[in-house]
Amino acid sequence: MHACIAAFSSGVPVVPMAYSRKFEGLFGTIGYERTVDCTSETAEAIEENIQAAYANRERLAAEIETACRRGIEKLAVYEDRLRALLG
């Protein structure tokens, strides 16, 4: 998970391979819908998604840029509220 987050944060096209619900929660919150669920999807479906993502990696990079921006905006709201609470 941490390597996936690092790649994502660097703008590298990734397909998060979820082994727990944390993946979907993290990436879904910022609107990145490329996560595959290794606990419920078939190996064939996962492979299909990964191959499709590879074929569209430029599009994934653009989606990551948008999702990162959304994450930074959400973090700013949290930080502002925390400052107000502590200030």
PDB file of N, CA and C in Angstrom:
ATOM      1  N   MET A   1       0.830  -1.196   0.000  1.00  0.00           N
ATOM      2  CA  MET A   1       0.000   0.000   0.000  1.00  0.00           C
ATOM      3  C   MET A   1       0.867   1.248   0.000  1.00  0.00           C
ATOM      4  N   HIS A   2       1.900   1.267   0.811  1.00  0.00           N
ATOM      5  CA  HIS A   2       2.730   2.470   0.903  1.00  0.00           C
ATOM      6  C   HIS A   2       3.491   2.737  -0.381  1.00  0.00           C
ATOM      7  N   ALA A   3       3.951   1.698  -1.041  1.00  0.00           N
ATOM      8  CA  ALA A   3       4.630   1.890  -2.326  1.00  0.00           C
ATOM      9  C   ALA A   3       3.649   2.420  -3.361  1.00  0.00           C
ATOM     10  N   CYS A   4       2.419   1.958  -3.304  1.00  0.00           N
ATOM     11  CA  CYS A   4       1.388   2.425  -4.226  1.00  0.00           C
ATOM     12  C   CYS A   4       1.098   3.911  -3.983  1.00  0.00           C
ATOM     13  N   ILE A   5       1.014   4.307  -2.732  1.00  0.00           N
ATOM     14  CA  ILE A   5       0.782   5.711  -2.384  1.00  0.00           C
ATOM     15  C   ILE A   5       1.952   6.569  -2.857  1.00  0.00           C
ATOM     16  N   ALA A   6       3.163   6.082  -2.678  1.00  0.00           N
ATOM     17  CA  ALA A   6       4.348   6.835  -3.118  1.00  0.00           C
ATOM     18  C   ALA A   6       4.337   7.012  -4.630  1.00  0.00           C
ATOM     19  N   ALA A   7       4.035   5.955  -5.363  1.00  0.00           N
ATOM     20  CA  ALA A   7       3.970   6.054  -6.822  1.00  0.00           C
ATOM     21  C   ALA A   7       2.870   7.022  -7.229  1.00  0.00           C
ATOM     22  N   PHE A   8       1.708   6.883  -6.634  1.00  0.00           N
ATOM     23  CA  PHE A   8       0.567   7.744  -6.922  1.00  0.00           C
ATOM     24  C   PHE A   8       0.932   9.202  -6.670  1.00  0.00           C
ATOM     25  N   SER A   9       1.548   9.462  -5.530  1.00  0.00           N
ATOM     26  CA  SER A   9       1.929  10.834  -5.154  1.00  0.00           C
ATOM     27  C   SER A   9       2.955  11.433  -6.104  1.00  0.00           C
ATOM     28  N   SER A  10       3.687  10.564  -6.777  1.00  0.00           N
ATOM     29  CA  SER A  10       4.697  11.013  -7.743  1.00  0.00           C
ATOM     30  C   SER A  10       4.119  11.129  -9.151  1.00  0.00           C
ATOM     31  N   GLY A  11       2.842  10.806  -9.311  1.00  0.00           N
ATOM     32  CA  GLY A  11       2.200  10.904 -10.610  1.00  0.00           C
ATOM     33  C   GLY A  11       2.373   9.687 -11.493  1.00  0.00           C
ATOM     34  N   VAL A  12       2.872   8.600 -10.923  1.00  0.00           N
ATOM     35  CA  VAL A  12       3.075   7.365 -11.690  1.00  0.00           C
ATOM     36  C   VAL A  12       1.735   6.639 -11.816  1.00  0.00           C
ATOM     37  N   PRO A  13       1.328   6.291 -13.035  1.00  0.00           N
ATOM     38  CA  PRO A  13       0.069   5.555 -13.191  1.00  0.00           C
ATOM     39  C   PRO A  13       0.104   4.237 -12.403  1.00  0.00           C
ATOM     40  N   VAL A  14      -0.878   4.047 -11.551  1.00  0.00           N
ATOM     41  CA  VAL A  14      -0.934   2.853 -10.707  1.00  0.00           C
ATOM     42  C   VAL A  14      -2.347   2.284 -10.695  1.00  0.00           C
ATOM     43  N   VAL A  15      -2.413   0.993 -10.430  1.00  0.00           N
ATOM     44  CA  VAL A  15      -3.670   0.311 -10.157  1.00  0.00           C
ATOM     45  C   VAL A  15      -3.536  -0.240  -8.741  1.00  0.00           C
ATOM     46  N   PRO A  16      -4.126   0.436  -7.762  1.00  0.00           N
ATOM     47  CA  PRO A  16      -4.040  -0.066  -6.396  1.00  0.00           C
ATOM     48  C   PRO A  16      -4.698  -1.440  -6.294  1.00  0.00           C
ATOM     49  N   MET A  17      -3.962  -2.396  -5.748  1.00  0.00           N
ATOM     50  CA  MET A  17      -4.472  -3.765  -5.599  1.00  0.00           C
ATOM     51  C   MET A  17      -4.846  -3.971  -4.134  1.00  0.00           C
ATOM     52  N   ALA A  18      -6.122  -3.833  -3.869  1.00  0.00           N
ATOM     53  CA  ALA A  18      -6.616  -3.822  -2.494  1.00  0.00           C
ATOM     54  C   ALA A  18      -6.630  -5.209  -1.873  1.00  0.00           C
ATOM     55  N   TYR A  19      -6.055  -5.288  -0.703  1.00  0.00           N
ATOM     56  CA  TYR A  19      -6.162  -6.500   0.113  1.00  0.00           C
ATOM     57  C   TYR A  19      -6.981  -6.199   1.354  1.00  0.00           C
ATOM     58  N   SER A  20      -7.369  -4.936   1.518  1.00  0.00           N
ATOM     59  CA  SER A  20      -8.242  -4.529   2.629  1.00  0.00           C
ATOM     60  C   SER A  20      -9.067  -3.329   2.169  1.00  0.00           C
ATOM     61  N   ARG A  21     -10.080  -2.994   2.941  1.00  0.00           N
ATOM     62  CA  ARG A  21     -10.969  -1.897   2.568  1.00  0.00           C
ATOM     63  C   ARG A  21     -10.286  -0.532   2.639  1.00  0.00           C
ATOM     64  N   LYS A  22      -9.114  -0.464   3.274  1.00  0.00           N
ATOM     65  CA  LYS A  22      -8.403   0.808   3.380  1.00  0.00           C
ATOM     66  C   LYS A  22      -8.060   1.384   2.014  1.00  0.00           C
ATOM     67  N   PHE A  23      -7.736   0.521   1.078  1.00  0.00           N
ATOM     68  CA  PHE A  23      -7.382   0.983  -0.265  1.00  0.00           C
ATOM     69  C   PHE A  23      -8.525   1.769  -0.887  1.00  0.00           C
ATOM     70  N   GLU A  24      -9.687   1.137  -0.926  1.00  0.00           N
ATOM     71  CA  GLU A  24     -10.840   1.790  -1.552  1.00  0.00           C
ATOM     72  C   GLU A  24     -11.182   3.075  -0.815  1.00  0.00           C
ATOM     73  N   GLY A  25     -11.103   3.045   0.499  1.00  0.00           N
ATOM     74  CA  GLY A  25     -11.384   4.248   1.281  1.00  0.00           C
ATOM     75  C   GLY A  25     -10.436   5.382   0.947  1.00  0.00           C
ATOM     76  N   LEU A  26      -9.172   5.080   0.905  1.00  0.00           N
ATOM     77  CA  LEU A  26      -8.168   6.104   0.622  1.00  0.00           C
ATOM     78  C   LEU A  26      -8.312   6.667  -0.781  1.00  0.00           C
ATOM     79  N   PHE A  27      -8.268   5.802  -1.769  1.00  0.00           N
ATOM     80  CA  PHE A  27      -8.297   6.266  -3.154  1.00  0.00           C
ATOM     81  C   PHE A  27      -9.696   6.732  -3.567  1.00  0.00           C
ATOM     82  N   GLY A  28     -10.728   6.098  -3.052  1.00  0.00           N
ATOM     83  CA  GLY A  28     -12.097   6.504  -3.378  1.00  0.00           C
ATOM     84  C   GLY A  28     -12.430   7.888  -2.853  1.00  0.00           C
ATOM     85  N   THR A  29     -11.895   8.238  -1.696  1.00  0.00           N
ATOM     86  CA  THR A  29     -12.153   9.539  -1.097  1.00  0.00           C
ATOM     87  C   THR A  29     -11.694  10.687  -1.987  1.00  0.00           C
ATOM     88  N   ILE A  30     -10.654  10.453  -2.748  1.00  0.00           N
ATOM     89  CA  ILE A  30     -10.144  11.519  -3.626  1.00  0.00           C
ATOM     90  C   ILE A  30     -10.553  11.293  -5.082  1.00  0.00           C
ATOM     91  N   GLY A  31     -11.443  10.332  -5.305  1.00  0.00           N
ATOM     92  CA  GLY A  31     -12.019  10.134  -6.625  1.00  0.00           C
ATOM     93  C   GLY A  31     -11.195   9.329  -7.605  1.00  0.00           C
ATOM     94  N   TYR A  32     -10.252   8.544  -7.103  1.00  0.00           N
ATOM     95  CA  TYR A  32      -9.458   7.694  -7.986  1.00  0.00           C
ATOM     96  C   TYR A  32     -10.075   6.307  -7.963  1.00  0.00           C
ATOM     97  N   GLU A  33     -10.715   5.934  -9.049  1.00  0.00           N
ATOM     98  CA  GLU A  33     -11.538   4.729  -9.089  1.00  0.00           C
ATOM     99  C   GLU A  33     -10.864   3.556  -9.810  1.00  0.00           C
ATOM    100  N   ARG A  34      -9.571   3.439  -9.723  1.00  0.00           N
ATOM    101  CA  ARG A  34      -8.851   2.381 -10.440  1.00  0.00           C
ATOM    102  C   ARG A  34      -8.482   1.192  -9.557  1.00  0.00           C
ATOM    103  N   THR A  35      -8.911   1.207  -8.316  1.00  0.00           N
ATOM    104  CA  THR A  35      -8.572   0.138  -7.384  1.00  0.00           C
ATOM    105  C   THR A  35      -9.225  -1.180  -7.793  1.00  0.00           C
ATOM    106  N   VAL A  36      -8.465  -2.258  -7.730  1.00  0.00           N
ATOM    107  CA  VAL A  36      -9.025  -3.597  -7.907  1.00  0.00           C
ATOM    108  C   VAL A  36      -9.057  -4.265  -6.533  1.00  0.00           C
ATOM    109  N   ASP A  37     -10.051  -5.090  -6.309  1.00  0.00           N
ATOM    110  CA  ASP A  37     -10.230  -5.739  -5.010  1.00  0.00           C
ATOM    111  C   ASP A  37      -9.757  -7.188  -5.091  1.00  0.00           C
ATOM    112  N   CYS A  38      -8.602  -7.443  -4.528  1.00  0.00           N
ATOM    113  CA  CYS A  38      -8.009  -8.783  -4.581  1.00  0.00           C
ATOM    114  C   CYS A  38      -8.739  -9.790  -3.694  1.00  0.00           C
ATOM    115  N   THR A  39      -9.641  -9.310  -2.858  1.00  0.00           N
ATOM    116  CA  THR A  39     -10.384 -10.234  -1.994  1.00  0.00           C
ATOM    117  C   THR A  39     -11.689 -10.696  -2.615  1.00  0.00           C
ATOM    118  N   SER A  40     -12.171  -9.995  -3.646  1.00  0.00           N
ATOM    119  CA  SER A  40     -13.476 -10.377  -4.206  1.00  0.00           C
ATOM    120  C   SER A  40     -13.491 -10.519  -5.729  1.00  0.00           C
ATOM    121  N   GLU A  41     -12.531  -9.941  -6.424  1.00  0.00           N
ATOM    122  CA  GLU A  41     -12.510 -10.036  -7.886  1.00  0.00           C
ATOM    123  C   GLU A  41     -11.703 -11.255  -8.321  1.00  0.00           C
ATOM    124  N   THR A  42     -12.032 -11.761  -9.486  1.00  0.00           N
ATOM    125  CA  THR A  42     -11.284 -12.902 -10.018  1.00  0.00           C
ATOM    126  C   THR A  42      -9.933 -12.436 -10.540  1.00  0.00           C
ATOM    127  N   ALA A  43      -9.005 -13.367 -10.620  1.00  0.00           N
ATOM    128  CA  ALA A  43      -7.681 -13.054 -11.159  1.00  0.00           C
ATOM    129  C   ALA A  43      -7.796 -12.527 -12.586  1.00  0.00           C
ATOM    130  N   GLU A  44      -8.721 -13.078 -13.338  1.00  0.00           N
ATOM    131  CA  GLU A  44      -8.912 -12.651 -14.728  1.00  0.00           C
ATOM    132  C   GLU A  44      -9.391 -11.199 -14.791  1.00  0.00           C
ATOM    133  N   ALA A  45     -10.332 -10.855 -13.940  1.00  0.00           N
ATOM    134  CA  ALA A  45     -10.859  -9.483 -13.922  1.00  0.00           C
ATOM    135  C   ALA A  45      -9.775  -8.497 -13.500  1.00  0.00           C
ATOM    136  N   ILE A  46      -8.991  -8.885 -12.512  1.00  0.00           N
ATOM    137  CA  ILE A  46      -7.897  -8.013 -12.051  1.00  0.00           C
ATOM    138  C   ILE A  46      -6.885  -7.814 -13.165  1.00  0.00           C
ATOM    139  N   GLU A  47      -6.510  -8.901 -13.815  1.00  0.00           N
ATOM    140  CA  GLU A  47      -5.541  -8.806 -14.920  1.00  0.00           C
ATOM    141  C   GLU A  47      -6.079  -7.919 -16.042  1.00  0.00           C
ATOM    142  N   GLU A  48      -7.359  -8.062 -16.362  1.00  0.00           N
ATOM    143  CA  GLU A  48      -7.992  -7.236 -17.396  1.00  0.00           C
ATOM    144  C   GLU A  48      -7.892  -5.761 -17.048  1.00  0.00           C
ATOM    145  N   ASN A  49      -8.207  -5.434 -15.794  1.00  0.00           N
ATOM    146  CA  ASN A  49      -8.146  -4.039 -15.343  1.00  0.00           C
ATOM    147  C   ASN A  49      -6.725  -3.491 -15.421  1.00  0.00           C
ATOM    148  N   ILE A  50      -5.760  -4.288 -15.028  1.00  0.00           N
ATOM    149  CA  ILE A  50      -4.367  -3.846 -15.058  1.00  0.00           C
ATOM    150  C   ILE A  50      -3.903  -3.640 -16.500  1.00  0.00           C
ATOM    151  N   GLN A  51      -4.263  -4.565 -17.378  1.00  0.00           N
ATOM    152  CA  GLN A  51      -3.868  -4.415 -18.783  1.00  0.00           C
ATOM    153  C   GLN A  51      -4.536  -3.197 -19.417  1.00  0.00           C
ATOM    154  N   ALA A  52      -5.801  -2.968 -19.104  1.00  0.00           N
ATOM    155  CA  ALA A  52      -6.500  -1.792 -19.631  1.00  0.00           C
ATOM    156  C   ALA A  52      -5.868  -0.512 -19.100  1.00  0.00           C
ATOM    157  N   ALA A  53      -5.487  -0.524 -17.830  1.00  0.00           N
ATOM    158  CA  ALA A  53      -4.842   0.655 -17.243  1.00  0.00           C
ATOM    159  C   ALA A  53      -3.500   0.927 -17.911  1.00  0.00           C
ATOM    160  N   TYR A  54      -2.754  -0.125 -18.171  1.00  0.00           N
ATOM    161  CA  TYR A  54      -1.462   0.038 -18.843  1.00  0.00           C
ATOM    162  C   TYR A  54      -1.650   0.637 -20.234  1.00  0.00           C
ATOM    163  N   ALA A  55      -2.643   0.152 -20.932  1.00  0.00           N
ATOM    164  CA  ALA A  55      -2.913   0.659 -22.280  1.00  0.00           C
ATOM    165  C   ALA A  55      -3.345   2.128 -22.252  1.00  0.00           C
ATOM    166  N   ASN A  56      -3.918   2.547 -21.126  1.00  0.00           N
ATOM    167  CA  ASN A  56      -4.403   3.931 -20.974  1.00  0.00           C
ATOM    168  C   ASN A  56      -3.619   4.700 -19.912  1.00  0.00           C
ATOM    169  N   ARG A  57      -2.328   4.405 -19.783  1.00  0.00           N
ATOM    170  CA  ARG A  57      -1.551   4.988 -18.691  1.00  0.00           C
ATOM    171  C   ARG A  57      -1.462   6.505 -18.735  1.00  0.00           C
ATOM    172  N   GLU A  58      -1.532   7.104 -19.911  1.00  0.00           N
ATOM    173  CA  GLU A  58      -1.537   8.572 -19.981  1.00  0.00           C
ATOM    174  C   GLU A  58      -2.810   9.124 -19.348  1.00  0.00           C
ATOM    175  N   ARG A  59      -3.913   8.460 -19.595  1.00  0.00           N
ATOM    176  CA  ARG A  59      -5.178   8.862 -18.985  1.00  0.00           C
ATOM    177  C   ARG A  59      -5.117   8.690 -17.471  1.00  0.00           C
ATOM    178  N   LEU A  60      -4.526   7.595 -17.007  1.00  0.00           N
ATOM    179  CA  LEU A  60      -4.380   7.373 -15.569  1.00  0.00           C
ATOM    180  C   LEU A  60      -3.543   8.476 -14.933  1.00  0.00           C
ATOM    181  N   ALA A  61      -2.470   8.878 -15.608  1.00  0.00           N
ATOM    182  CA  ALA A  61      -1.625   9.958 -15.080  1.00  0.00           C
ATOM    183  C   ALA A  61      -2.445  11.236 -14.908  1.00  0.00           C
ATOM    184  N   ALA A  62      -3.317  11.533 -15.859  1.00  0.00           N
ATOM    185  CA  ALA A  62      -4.178  12.717 -15.753  1.00  0.00           C
ATOM    186  C   ALA A  62      -5.180  12.558 -14.606  1.00  0.00           C
ATOM    187  N   GLU A  63      -5.728  11.344 -14.448  1.00  0.00           N
ATOM    188  CA  GLU A  63      -6.660  11.084 -13.344  1.00  0.00           C
ATOM    189  C   GLU A  63      -5.955  11.243 -11.999  1.00  0.00           C
ATOM    190  N   ILE A  64      -4.709  10.805 -11.939  1.00  0.00           N
ATOM    191  CA  ILE A  64      -3.936  10.934 -10.704  1.00  0.00           C
ATOM    192  C   ILE A  64      -3.708  12.402 -10.367  1.00  0.00           C
ATOM    193  N   GLU A  65      -3.383  13.176 -11.380  1.00  0.00           N
ATOM    194  CA  GLU A  65      -3.165  14.617 -11.155  1.00  0.00           C
ATOM    195  C   GLU A  65      -4.420  15.262 -10.563  1.00  0.00           C
ATOM    196  N   THR A  66      -5.569  14.940 -11.121  1.00  0.00           N
ATOM    197  CA  THR A  66      -6.835  15.481 -10.614  1.00  0.00           C
ATOM    198  C   THR A  66      -7.102  15.000  -9.189  1.00  0.00           C
ATOM    199  N   ALA A  67      -6.903  13.707  -8.951  1.00  0.00           N
ATOM    200  CA  ALA A  67      -7.159  13.138  -7.627  1.00  0.00           C
ATOM    201  C   ALA A  67      -6.204  13.711  -6.579  1.00  0.00           C
ATOM    202  N   CYS A  68      -4.938  13.903  -6.951  1.00  0.00           N
ATOM    203  CA  CYS A  68      -3.969  14.494  -6.013  1.00  0.00           C
ATOM    204  C   CYS A  68      -4.387  15.912  -5.637  1.00  0.00           C
ATOM    205  N   ARG A  69      -4.818  16.652  -6.638  1.00  0.00           N
ATOM    206  CA  ARG A  69      -5.267  18.025  -6.374  1.00  0.00           C
ATOM    207  C   ARG A  69      -6.462  18.005  -5.413  1.00  0.00           C
ATOM    208  N   ARG A  70      -7.386  17.071  -5.641  1.00  0.00           N
ATOM    209  CA  ARG A  70      -8.553  16.943  -4.762  1.00  0.00           C
ATOM    210  C   ARG A  70      -8.102  16.574  -3.340  1.00  0.00           C
ATOM    211  N   GLY A  71      -7.133  15.683  -3.227  1.00  0.00           N
ATOM    212  CA  GLY A  71      -6.619  15.292  -1.912  1.00  0.00           C
ATOM    213  C   GLY A  71      -5.974  16.460  -1.186  1.00  0.00           C
ATOM    214  N   ILE A  72      -5.209  17.258  -1.909  1.00  0.00           N
ATOM    215  CA  ILE A  72      -4.564  18.424  -1.304  1.00  0.00           C
ATOM    216  C   ILE A  72      -5.617  19.427  -0.830  1.00  0.00           C
ATOM    217  N   GLU A  73      -6.675  19.605  -1.615  1.00  0.00           N
ATOM    218  CA  GLU A  73      -7.760  20.509  -1.205  1.00  0.00           C
ATOM    219  C   GLU A  73      -8.441  20.005   0.062  1.00  0.00           C
ATOM    220  N   LYS A  74      -8.697  18.704   0.130  1.00  0.00           N
ATOM    221  CA  LYS A  74      -9.325  18.134   1.324  1.00  0.00           C
ATOM    222  C   LYS A  74      -8.414  18.273   2.541  1.00  0.00           C
ATOM    223  N   LEU A  75      -7.129  18.063   2.335  1.00  0.00           N
ATOM    224  CA  LEU A  75      -6.175  18.200   3.423  1.00  0.00           C
ATOM    225  C   LEU A  75      -6.132  19.645   3.920  1.00  0.00           C
ATOM    226  N   ALA A  76      -6.214  20.600   3.021  1.00  0.00           N
ATOM    227  CA  ALA A  76      -6.193  22.017   3.405  1.00  0.00           C
ATOM    228  C   ALA A  76      -7.393  22.357   4.289  1.00  0.00           C
ATOM    229  N   VAL A  77      -8.554  21.812   3.974  1.00  0.00           N
ATOM    230  CA  VAL A  77      -9.747  22.045   4.796  1.00  0.00           C
ATOM    231  C   VAL A  77      -9.517  21.494   6.201  1.00  0.00           C
ATOM    232  N   TYR A  78      -8.978  20.288   6.277  1.00  0.00           N
ATOM    233  CA  TYR A  78      -8.682  19.661   7.564  1.00  0.00           C
ATOM    234  C   TYR A  78      -7.685  20.509   8.357  1.00  0.00           C
ATOM    235  N   GLU A  79      -6.610  20.940   7.700  1.00  0.00           N
ATOM    236  CA  GLU A  79      -5.588  21.740   8.378  1.00  0.00           C
ATOM    237  C   GLU A  79      -6.160  23.063   8.870  1.00  0.00           C
ATOM    238  N   ASP A  80      -6.990  23.707   8.053  1.00  0.00           N
ATOM    239  CA  ASP A  80      -7.607  24.982   8.461  1.00  0.00           C
ATOM    240  C   ASP A  80      -8.491  24.802   9.684  1.00  0.00           C
ATOM    241  N   ARG A  81      -9.265  23.739   9.695  1.00  0.00           N
ATOM    242  CA  ARG A  81     -10.140  23.492  10.840  1.00  0.00           C
ATOM    243  C   ARG A  81      -9.344  23.149  12.095  1.00  0.00           C
ATOM    244  N   LEU A  82      -8.265  22.411  11.913  1.00  0.00           N
ATOM    245  CA  LEU A  82      -7.417  22.070  13.040  1.00  0.00           C
ATOM    246  C   LEU A  82      -6.752  23.319  13.607  1.00  0.00           C
ATOM    247  N   ARG A  83      -6.262  24.200  12.723  1.00  0.00           N
ATOM    248  CA  ARG A  83      -5.666  25.469  13.181  1.00  0.00           C
ATOM    249  C   ARG A  83      -6.689  26.291  13.973  1.00  0.00           C
ATOM    250  N   ALA A  84      -7.912  26.353  13.462  1.00  0.00           N
ATOM    251  CA  ALA A  84      -8.957  27.120  14.144  1.00  0.00           C
ATOM    252  C   ALA A  84      -9.267  26.524  15.515  1.00  0.00           C
ATOM    253  N   LEU A  85      -9.280  25.225  15.591  1.00  0.00           N
ATOM    254  CA  LEU A  85      -9.561  24.553  16.853  1.00  0.00           C
ATOM    255  C   LEU A  85      -8.433  24.775  17.866  1.00  0.00           C
ATOM    256  N   LEU A  86      -7.199  24.719  17.403  1.00  0.00           N
ATOM    257  CA  LEU A  86      -6.063  24.873  18.296  1.00  0.00           C
ATOM    258  C   LEU A  86      -5.707  26.332  18.567  1.00  0.00           C
ATOM    259  N   GLY A  87      -6.148  27.202  17.671  1.00  0.00           N
ATOM    260  CA  GLY A  87      -5.768  28.611  17.747  1.00  0.00           C
ATOM    261  C   GLY A  87      -6.608  29.354  18.721  1.00  0.00           C
TER     262      GLY A  87
END
